Protein backbone atom coordinates (compact mmCIF):
# COMPACT_ATOMS: atom_id res chain seq x y z
CA MET A 1 -68.16 23.24 55.09
CA PRO A 2 -67.71 26.25 52.74
CA VAL A 3 -68.22 23.97 49.71
CA LYS A 4 -71.59 22.77 51.00
CA LEU A 5 -72.62 26.32 51.92
CA ALA A 6 -71.79 27.34 48.36
CA ALA A 7 -73.83 24.39 47.06
CA LEU A 8 -76.71 25.45 49.31
CA LYS A 9 -76.59 29.00 47.97
CA GLU A 10 -76.49 27.68 44.40
CA ALA A 11 -79.49 25.46 45.11
CA LEU A 12 -81.34 28.45 46.55
CA ARG A 13 -80.89 30.25 43.23
CA ASP A 14 -82.56 27.29 41.49
CA GLY A 15 -85.85 28.12 43.19
CA LEU A 16 -88.19 26.78 45.83
CA HIS A 17 -89.82 23.94 43.96
CA VAL A 18 -90.38 20.75 45.96
CA ASP A 19 -87.47 18.74 44.48
CA ASN A 20 -85.06 21.58 45.14
CA LEU A 21 -86.39 22.05 48.66
CA ASP A 22 -85.58 18.36 49.25
CA ARG A 23 -82.05 18.98 47.96
CA MET A 24 -81.54 22.01 50.23
CA ILE A 25 -82.94 20.18 53.26
CA GLY A 26 -80.41 17.42 52.60
CA LEU A 27 -77.55 19.90 52.30
CA CYS A 28 -78.56 21.53 55.60
CA THR A 29 -78.67 18.11 57.26
CA ASP A 30 -75.20 17.30 55.90
CA LEU A 31 -73.85 20.60 57.21
CA LEU A 32 -75.41 19.97 60.62
CA ASN A 33 -73.89 16.47 60.73
CA GLU A 34 -70.49 17.93 59.84
CA GLY A 35 -70.60 20.31 62.79
CA GLY A 36 -71.77 23.43 61.02
CA PRO A 37 -73.32 26.31 62.98
CA ARG A 38 -76.24 24.48 64.56
CA VAL A 39 -78.78 27.16 65.37
CA PRO A 40 -78.82 29.02 62.03
CA LEU A 41 -78.69 25.80 60.00
CA PHE A 42 -81.42 24.18 62.09
CA VAL A 43 -83.68 27.21 61.75
CA PHE A 44 -82.98 27.44 58.02
CA ARG A 45 -83.65 23.73 57.52
CA SER A 46 -86.86 24.00 59.56
CA CYS A 47 -88.04 26.88 57.34
CA LEU A 48 -87.28 24.83 54.23
CA GLN A 49 -89.17 21.86 55.66
CA TYR A 50 -92.16 24.07 56.38
CA LEU A 51 -92.08 25.48 52.84
CA HIS A 52 -91.92 21.93 51.51
CA TYR A 53 -94.93 20.95 53.62
CA ARG A 54 -96.91 23.96 52.40
CA LYS A 55 -95.88 23.50 48.74
CA ALA A 56 -96.42 19.77 48.42
CA ASP A 57 -99.21 19.14 45.93
CA THR A 58 -99.68 22.84 45.12
CA PRO A 59 -100.81 22.71 41.49
CA VAL A 60 -100.26 26.31 40.33
CA VAL A 61 -97.80 29.02 41.35
CA ALA A 62 -99.73 32.24 41.83
CA GLY A 63 -98.34 35.78 41.95
CA ALA A 64 -98.55 35.91 45.74
CA ILE A 65 -96.52 32.71 45.97
CA GLU A 66 -93.85 34.03 43.59
CA SER A 67 -93.57 37.19 45.68
CA ALA A 68 -93.30 35.22 48.93
CA ASP A 69 -90.66 32.96 47.37
CA ARG A 70 -88.63 35.93 46.14
CA LYS A 71 -88.65 37.56 49.58
CA PHE A 72 -87.68 34.28 51.27
CA VAL A 73 -84.83 33.70 48.80
CA GLU A 74 -83.50 37.25 49.30
CA THR A 75 -83.42 36.83 53.08
CA ALA A 76 -82.03 33.29 52.91
CA SER A 77 -79.29 34.43 50.55
CA ARG A 78 -78.21 37.14 53.01
CA LEU A 79 -78.20 34.54 55.80
CA LEU A 80 -75.99 32.17 53.79
CA ASP A 81 -73.65 35.06 52.95
CA ALA A 82 -73.36 35.84 56.66
CA LEU A 83 -72.69 32.17 57.47
CA SER A 84 -70.02 31.98 54.76
CA GLY A 85 -68.35 35.03 56.23
CA GLY A 86 -68.39 33.55 59.73
CA GLY A 87 -71.07 35.92 60.99
CA SER A 88 -71.52 36.19 64.73
CA GLY A 89 -74.71 35.45 66.62
CA THR A 90 -75.53 39.14 66.79
CA ASP A 91 -75.21 39.38 63.00
CA LEU A 92 -77.29 36.27 62.39
CA LEU A 93 -80.16 36.81 64.81
CA PRO A 94 -81.88 39.59 62.83
CA LEU A 95 -81.57 37.53 59.64
CA LEU A 96 -82.96 34.43 61.32
CA ASP A 97 -85.81 36.48 62.73
CA GLU A 98 -86.57 37.93 59.29
CA LEU A 99 -86.41 34.46 57.69
CA VAL A 100 -88.87 33.01 60.22
CA GLY A 101 -91.08 36.07 59.72
CA ARG A 102 -91.13 35.41 55.98
CA VAL A 103 -92.35 31.87 56.61
CA LEU A 104 -94.93 32.89 59.21
CA SER A 105 -96.41 35.53 56.91
CA LEU A 106 -96.97 33.26 53.91
CA PRO A 107 -100.23 33.97 52.09
CA ALA A 108 -103.11 31.56 52.62
CA SER A 109 -102.81 30.55 48.95
CA TYR A 110 -99.35 29.16 49.74
CA SER A 111 -100.63 25.71 50.50
CA SER A 112 -102.12 22.65 48.97
CA GLY A 113 -105.49 23.44 50.45
């Protein structure tokens, strides 16, 4: 599992474009199928799926979208670090809450219309 978590973190650094979101969703699914920590991986994958849904067919990346992406990546990176270190539920819950908050507060321009 640590190898796939490392691959997921590397993919996160490659950005939140649609093809890379597909890649990260697949890695999360693989980790879930291998018995990885279910709740954080499921929440993370669900956030990625939502970003994918919102980004599909978005023609131009605006400043607000870049800012939202950067904040999401920062939070997701901390979550993956915690998972790699075997973080406990009490460590992960605030990160999961922040990650979901990042997705729920996306600007209106973060969609295909």
